[in-house]
Amino acid sequence: MLLLRILLALYLAFGVFAVVVIFIDPSDDPLSAIYLVIAAMPWTVVLDAATDRIGELPTWANLTLLSLGVLFNAAIIYVLGRLIGYFVGRRLPPIHGK
C-alpha cells in the first residue's frame, strides 16, 4: 500500500508540475503544455479525435480536460494497485479505513 501511495504521489506531483509549467512560461510557448499532454496521454488521443469533430476548444477547456485526464489516470492507478494487492495475497484494508 505504501508503494501505491508513493506512485500516486509522484504521478500527481508530475501532473501539478505540468500544469504549473504552462502558467509560468513567460514566452507563452505552445510546447509548454507537452508535459501535461504526456501525463494525460491516453485521453489526449480521445480529446484530439473529439476536437476533429466539434472544432477547436478554448485553451481553458483543453487545460481542464487534460487535468481531468490526469486525475482519471490516477484513479485507474489506484484501482489497479488495490486489485493487484488483493490478488497477490496481501489483503489491503478497505478504502474507508475500517
N, C-alpha and C. Protein backbone atom coordinates (compact mmCIF):
# COMPACT_ATOMS: atom_id res chain seq x y z
N MET A 1 0.82 -1.19 0.00
CA MET A 1 0.00 0.00 0.00
C MET A 1 0.87 1.26 0.00
N LEU A 2 2.00 1.18 0.68
CA LEU A 2 2.90 2.32 0.72
C LEU A 2 3.46 2.62 -0.67
N LEU A 3 3.81 1.57 -1.40
CA LEU A 3 4.32 1.75 -2.75
C LEU A 3 3.27 2.39 -3.66
N LEU A 4 2.03 1.99 -3.49
CA LEU A 4 0.93 2.58 -4.28
C LEU A 4 0.78 4.06 -3.96
N ARG A 5 0.85 4.40 -2.68
CA ARG A 5 0.74 5.82 -2.30
C ARG A 5 1.90 6.64 -2.84
N ILE A 6 3.09 6.08 -2.82
CA ILE A 6 4.26 6.78 -3.35
C ILE A 6 4.09 6.98 -4.86
N LEU A 7 3.65 5.94 -5.57
CA LEU A 7 3.45 6.03 -7.01
C LEU A 7 2.40 7.09 -7.35
N LEU A 8 1.29 7.09 -6.61
CA LEU A 8 0.25 8.08 -6.85
C LEU A 8 0.74 9.50 -6.54
N ALA A 9 1.49 9.65 -5.45
CA ALA A 9 2.01 10.97 -5.10
C ALA A 9 2.96 11.48 -6.18
N LEU A 10 3.83 10.61 -6.69
CA LEU A 10 4.75 11.03 -7.74
C LEU A 10 4.01 11.39 -9.03
N TYR A 11 3.01 10.58 -9.38
CA TYR A 11 2.26 10.86 -10.61
C TYR A 11 1.48 12.17 -10.49
N LEU A 12 0.81 12.38 -9.36
CA LEU A 12 0.06 13.61 -9.19
C LEU A 12 0.98 14.83 -9.08
N ALA A 13 2.15 14.65 -8.48
CA ALA A 13 3.12 15.76 -8.44
C ALA A 13 3.58 16.12 -9.84
N PHE A 14 3.79 15.11 -10.68
CA PHE A 14 4.14 15.39 -12.07
C PHE A 14 3.00 16.11 -12.78
N GLY A 15 1.76 15.72 -12.50
CA GLY A 15 0.61 16.40 -13.11
C GLY A 15 0.52 17.86 -12.68
N VAL A 16 0.74 18.12 -11.39
CA VAL A 16 0.72 19.50 -10.90
C VAL A 16 1.87 20.29 -11.52
N PHE A 17 3.04 19.68 -11.59
CA PHE A 17 4.19 20.32 -12.23
C PHE A 17 3.87 20.68 -13.68
N ALA A 18 3.19 19.78 -14.39
CA ALA A 18 2.86 20.02 -15.79
C ALA A 18 1.92 21.21 -15.94
N VAL A 19 0.97 21.34 -15.02
CA VAL A 19 0.05 22.48 -15.09
C VAL A 19 0.78 23.77 -14.72
N VAL A 20 1.63 23.72 -13.72
CA VAL A 20 2.36 24.92 -13.29
C VAL A 20 3.28 25.43 -14.40
N VAL A 21 3.91 24.52 -15.13
CA VAL A 21 4.82 24.91 -16.22
C VAL A 21 4.07 25.73 -17.27
N ILE A 22 2.82 25.40 -17.51
CA ILE A 22 2.04 26.14 -18.51
C ILE A 22 1.88 27.59 -18.08
N PHE A 23 1.65 27.81 -16.79
CA PHE A 23 1.38 29.17 -16.32
C PHE A 23 2.63 29.99 -16.07
N ILE A 24 3.77 29.36 -15.80
CA ILE A 24 4.97 30.16 -15.50
C ILE A 24 5.85 30.39 -16.72
N ASP A 25 5.47 29.86 -17.86
CA ASP A 25 6.27 30.06 -19.07
C ASP A 25 6.08 31.49 -19.56
N PRO A 26 7.12 32.31 -19.48
CA PRO A 26 6.95 33.72 -19.86
C PRO A 26 6.78 33.95 -21.36
N SER A 27 7.24 33.02 -22.18
CA SER A 27 7.18 33.25 -23.62
C SER A 27 5.89 32.76 -24.24
N ASP A 28 5.00 32.16 -23.45
CA ASP A 28 3.73 31.65 -23.94
C ASP A 28 3.94 30.67 -25.09
N ASP A 29 4.89 29.78 -24.89
CA ASP A 29 5.25 28.78 -25.89
C ASP A 29 4.20 27.68 -25.93
N PRO A 30 3.71 27.29 -27.11
CA PRO A 30 2.71 26.22 -27.18
C PRO A 30 3.25 24.87 -26.68
N LEU A 31 4.57 24.69 -26.74
CA LEU A 31 5.14 23.43 -26.27
C LEU A 31 5.25 23.34 -24.75
N SER A 32 4.86 24.40 -24.04
CA SER A 32 4.93 24.32 -22.58
C SER A 32 3.88 23.35 -22.02
N ALA A 33 2.91 22.97 -22.81
CA ALA A 33 1.88 22.03 -22.36
C ALA A 33 2.23 20.58 -22.65
N ILE A 34 3.42 20.32 -23.15
CA ILE A 34 3.77 18.96 -23.55
C ILE A 34 3.80 18.01 -22.36
N TYR A 35 4.22 18.50 -21.19
CA TYR A 35 4.25 17.64 -20.01
C TYR A 35 2.84 17.21 -19.60
N LEU A 36 1.89 18.12 -19.71
CA LEU A 36 0.50 17.77 -19.38
C LEU A 36 -0.06 16.80 -20.41
N VAL A 37 0.29 16.98 -21.65
CA VAL A 37 -0.17 16.05 -22.70
C VAL A 37 0.38 14.65 -22.43
N ILE A 38 1.63 14.56 -22.01
CA ILE A 38 2.23 13.26 -21.71
C ILE A 38 1.58 12.65 -20.47
N ALA A 39 1.32 13.45 -19.45
CA ALA A 39 0.73 12.93 -18.21
C ALA A 39 -0.68 12.39 -18.42
N ALA A 40 -1.41 12.97 -19.35
CA ALA A 40 -2.79 12.54 -19.61
C ALA A 40 -2.88 11.76 -20.92
N MET A 41 -1.86 11.04 -21.25
CA MET A 41 -1.68 10.51 -22.59
C MET A 41 -2.84 9.77 -23.22
N PRO A 42 -3.43 8.74 -22.66
CA PRO A 42 -4.47 8.07 -23.45
C PRO A 42 -5.66 8.99 -23.73
N TRP A 43 -5.90 9.95 -22.87
CA TRP A 43 -7.06 10.82 -23.04
C TRP A 43 -6.78 11.95 -24.01
N THR A 44 -5.52 12.24 -24.29
CA THR A 44 -5.21 13.26 -25.28
C THR A 44 -5.61 12.79 -26.68
N VAL A 45 -5.51 11.50 -26.92
CA VAL A 45 -5.92 10.95 -28.22
C VAL A 45 -7.43 11.10 -28.39
N VAL A 46 -8.17 10.83 -27.32
CA VAL A 46 -9.64 10.98 -27.35
C VAL A 46 -10.00 12.45 -27.55
N LEU A 47 -9.30 13.33 -26.85
CA LEU A 47 -9.56 14.76 -26.98
C LEU A 47 -9.26 15.25 -28.38
N ASP A 48 -8.19 14.73 -28.97
CA ASP A 48 -7.83 15.11 -30.33
C ASP A 48 -8.91 14.66 -31.32
N ALA A 49 -9.42 13.44 -31.14
CA ALA A 49 -10.48 12.94 -32.02
C ALA A 49 -11.76 13.76 -31.84
N ALA A 50 -12.04 14.18 -30.61
CA ALA A 50 -13.25 14.97 -30.36
C ALA A 50 -13.13 16.36 -30.98
N THR A 51 -11.95 16.95 -30.91
CA THR A 51 -11.79 18.28 -31.49
C THR A 51 -11.83 18.24 -33.02
N ASP A 52 -11.50 17.09 -33.60
CA ASP A 52 -11.64 16.96 -35.05
C ASP A 52 -13.11 17.02 -35.46
N ARG A 53 -13.98 16.51 -34.59
CA ARG A 53 -15.41 16.50 -34.91
C ARG A 53 -16.12 17.81 -34.55
N ILE A 54 -15.78 18.38 -33.37
CA ILE A 54 -16.54 19.55 -32.91
C ILE A 54 -15.80 20.86 -33.11
N GLY A 55 -14.58 20.81 -33.55
CA GLY A 55 -13.81 22.03 -33.74
C GLY A 55 -12.87 22.28 -32.57
N GLU A 56 -12.09 23.32 -32.68
CA GLU A 56 -11.11 23.63 -31.65
C GLU A 56 -11.79 24.09 -30.36
N LEU A 57 -11.22 23.69 -29.25
CA LEU A 57 -11.72 24.10 -27.94
C LEU A 57 -10.89 25.28 -27.43
N PRO A 58 -11.48 26.10 -26.57
CA PRO A 58 -10.68 27.17 -25.96
C PRO A 58 -9.57 26.59 -25.08
N THR A 59 -8.58 27.40 -24.78
CA THR A 59 -7.44 26.94 -24.01
C THR A 59 -7.85 26.46 -22.63
N TRP A 60 -8.76 27.18 -21.97
CA TRP A 60 -9.17 26.77 -20.62
C TRP A 60 -9.89 25.43 -20.65
N ALA A 61 -10.62 25.13 -21.72
CA ALA A 61 -11.31 23.85 -21.82
C ALA A 61 -10.30 22.71 -22.04
N ASN A 62 -9.30 22.95 -22.87
CA ASN A 62 -8.25 21.95 -23.06
C ASN A 62 -7.51 21.67 -21.76
N LEU A 63 -7.17 22.72 -21.03
CA LEU A 63 -6.46 22.57 -19.77
C LEU A 63 -7.30 21.80 -18.76
N THR A 64 -8.59 22.11 -18.70
CA THR A 64 -9.48 21.41 -17.78
C THR A 64 -9.62 19.94 -18.14
N LEU A 65 -9.83 19.65 -19.41
CA LEU A 65 -10.00 18.26 -19.83
C LEU A 65 -8.72 17.44 -19.64
N LEU A 66 -7.58 18.03 -19.92
CA LEU A 66 -6.33 17.30 -19.71
C LEU A 66 -6.05 17.09 -18.23
N SER A 67 -6.39 18.06 -17.39
CA SER A 67 -6.24 17.88 -15.95
C SER A 67 -7.16 16.79 -15.44
N LEU A 68 -8.36 16.72 -15.96
CA LEU A 68 -9.27 15.63 -15.60
C LEU A 68 -8.72 14.28 -16.07
N GLY A 69 -8.04 14.28 -17.22
CA GLY A 69 -7.40 13.06 -17.70
C GLY A 69 -6.32 12.58 -16.74
N VAL A 70 -5.56 13.50 -16.17
CA VAL A 70 -4.54 13.14 -15.19
C VAL A 70 -5.20 12.54 -13.95
N LEU A 71 -6.28 13.16 -13.48
CA LEU A 71 -7.00 12.63 -12.31
C LEU A 71 -7.61 11.27 -12.60
N PHE A 72 -8.12 11.08 -13.80
CA PHE A 72 -8.70 9.79 -14.17
C PHE A 72 -7.61 8.72 -14.23
N ASN A 73 -6.45 9.06 -14.75
CA ASN A 73 -5.33 8.12 -14.76
C ASN A 73 -4.91 7.76 -13.34
N ALA A 74 -4.92 8.75 -12.43
CA ALA A 74 -4.57 8.47 -11.03
C ALA A 74 -5.59 7.52 -10.41
N ALA A 75 -6.86 7.69 -10.74
CA ALA A 75 -7.89 6.78 -10.22
C ALA A 75 -7.68 5.36 -10.77
N ILE A 76 -7.31 5.26 -12.03
CA ILE A 76 -7.04 3.93 -12.61
C ILE A 76 -5.85 3.28 -11.93
N ILE A 77 -4.79 4.05 -11.69
CA ILE A 77 -3.62 3.51 -11.00
C ILE A 77 -4.01 3.02 -9.60
N TYR A 78 -4.84 3.80 -8.90
CA TYR A 78 -5.26 3.42 -7.56
C TYR A 78 -6.06 2.12 -7.57
N VAL A 79 -7.04 2.03 -8.45
CA VAL A 79 -7.89 0.84 -8.51
C VAL A 79 -7.07 -0.39 -8.92
N LEU A 80 -6.21 -0.24 -9.91
CA LEU A 80 -5.38 -1.37 -10.32
C LEU A 80 -4.41 -1.79 -9.21
N GLY A 81 -3.88 -0.83 -8.49
CA GLY A 81 -2.99 -1.15 -7.37
C GLY A 81 -3.72 -1.90 -6.28
N ARG A 82 -4.95 -1.49 -5.99
CA ARG A 82 -5.74 -2.21 -4.99
C ARG A 82 -6.06 -3.62 -5.45
N LEU A 83 -6.42 -3.79 -6.72
CA LEU A 83 -6.73 -5.12 -7.23
C LEU A 83 -5.50 -6.03 -7.23
N ILE A 84 -4.38 -5.49 -7.64
CA ILE A 84 -3.15 -6.29 -7.64
C ILE A 84 -2.79 -6.68 -6.21
N GLY A 85 -2.92 -5.75 -5.28
CA GLY A 85 -2.65 -6.05 -3.88
C GLY A 85 -3.59 -7.11 -3.33
N TYR A 86 -4.81 -7.10 -3.78
CA TYR A 86 -5.78 -8.09 -3.33
C TYR A 86 -5.45 -9.48 -3.88
N PHE A 87 -5.08 -9.54 -5.14
CA PHE A 87 -4.86 -10.84 -5.77
C PHE A 87 -3.50 -11.46 -5.49
N VAL A 88 -2.53 -10.70 -5.01
CA VAL A 88 -1.25 -11.30 -4.68
C VAL A 88 -1.24 -11.89 -3.28
N GLY A 89 -2.32 -11.80 -2.57
CA GLY A 89 -2.43 -12.47 -1.28
C GLY A 89 -2.34 -11.57 -0.08
N ARG A 90 -1.88 -10.36 -0.24
CA ARG A 90 -1.84 -9.43 0.88
C ARG A 90 -3.10 -8.60 0.82
N ARG A 91 -4.08 -8.98 1.58
CA ARG A 91 -5.35 -8.27 1.55
C ARG A 91 -5.16 -6.88 2.16
N LEU A 92 -5.48 -5.88 1.38
CA LEU A 92 -5.34 -4.50 1.84
C LEU A 92 -6.57 -4.09 2.63
N PRO A 93 -6.42 -3.15 3.53
CA PRO A 93 -7.59 -2.69 4.28
C PRO A 93 -8.58 -2.01 3.34
N PRO A 94 -9.85 -1.98 3.71
CA PRO A 94 -10.84 -1.33 2.85
C PRO A 94 -10.49 0.14 2.59
N ILE A 95 -11.10 0.67 1.57
CA ILE A 95 -10.82 2.03 1.17
C ILE A 95 -11.18 3.03 2.26
N HIS A 96 -12.23 2.75 3.03
CA HIS A 96 -12.71 3.67 4.05
C HIS A 96 -11.90 3.57 5.35
N GLY A 97 -10.95 2.67 5.42
CA GLY A 97 -10.09 2.57 6.58
C GLY A 97 -10.68 1.79 7.74
N LYS A 98 -11.71 1.03 7.50
CA LYS A 98 -12.33 0.25 8.58
C LYS A 98 -11.66 -1.09 8.74
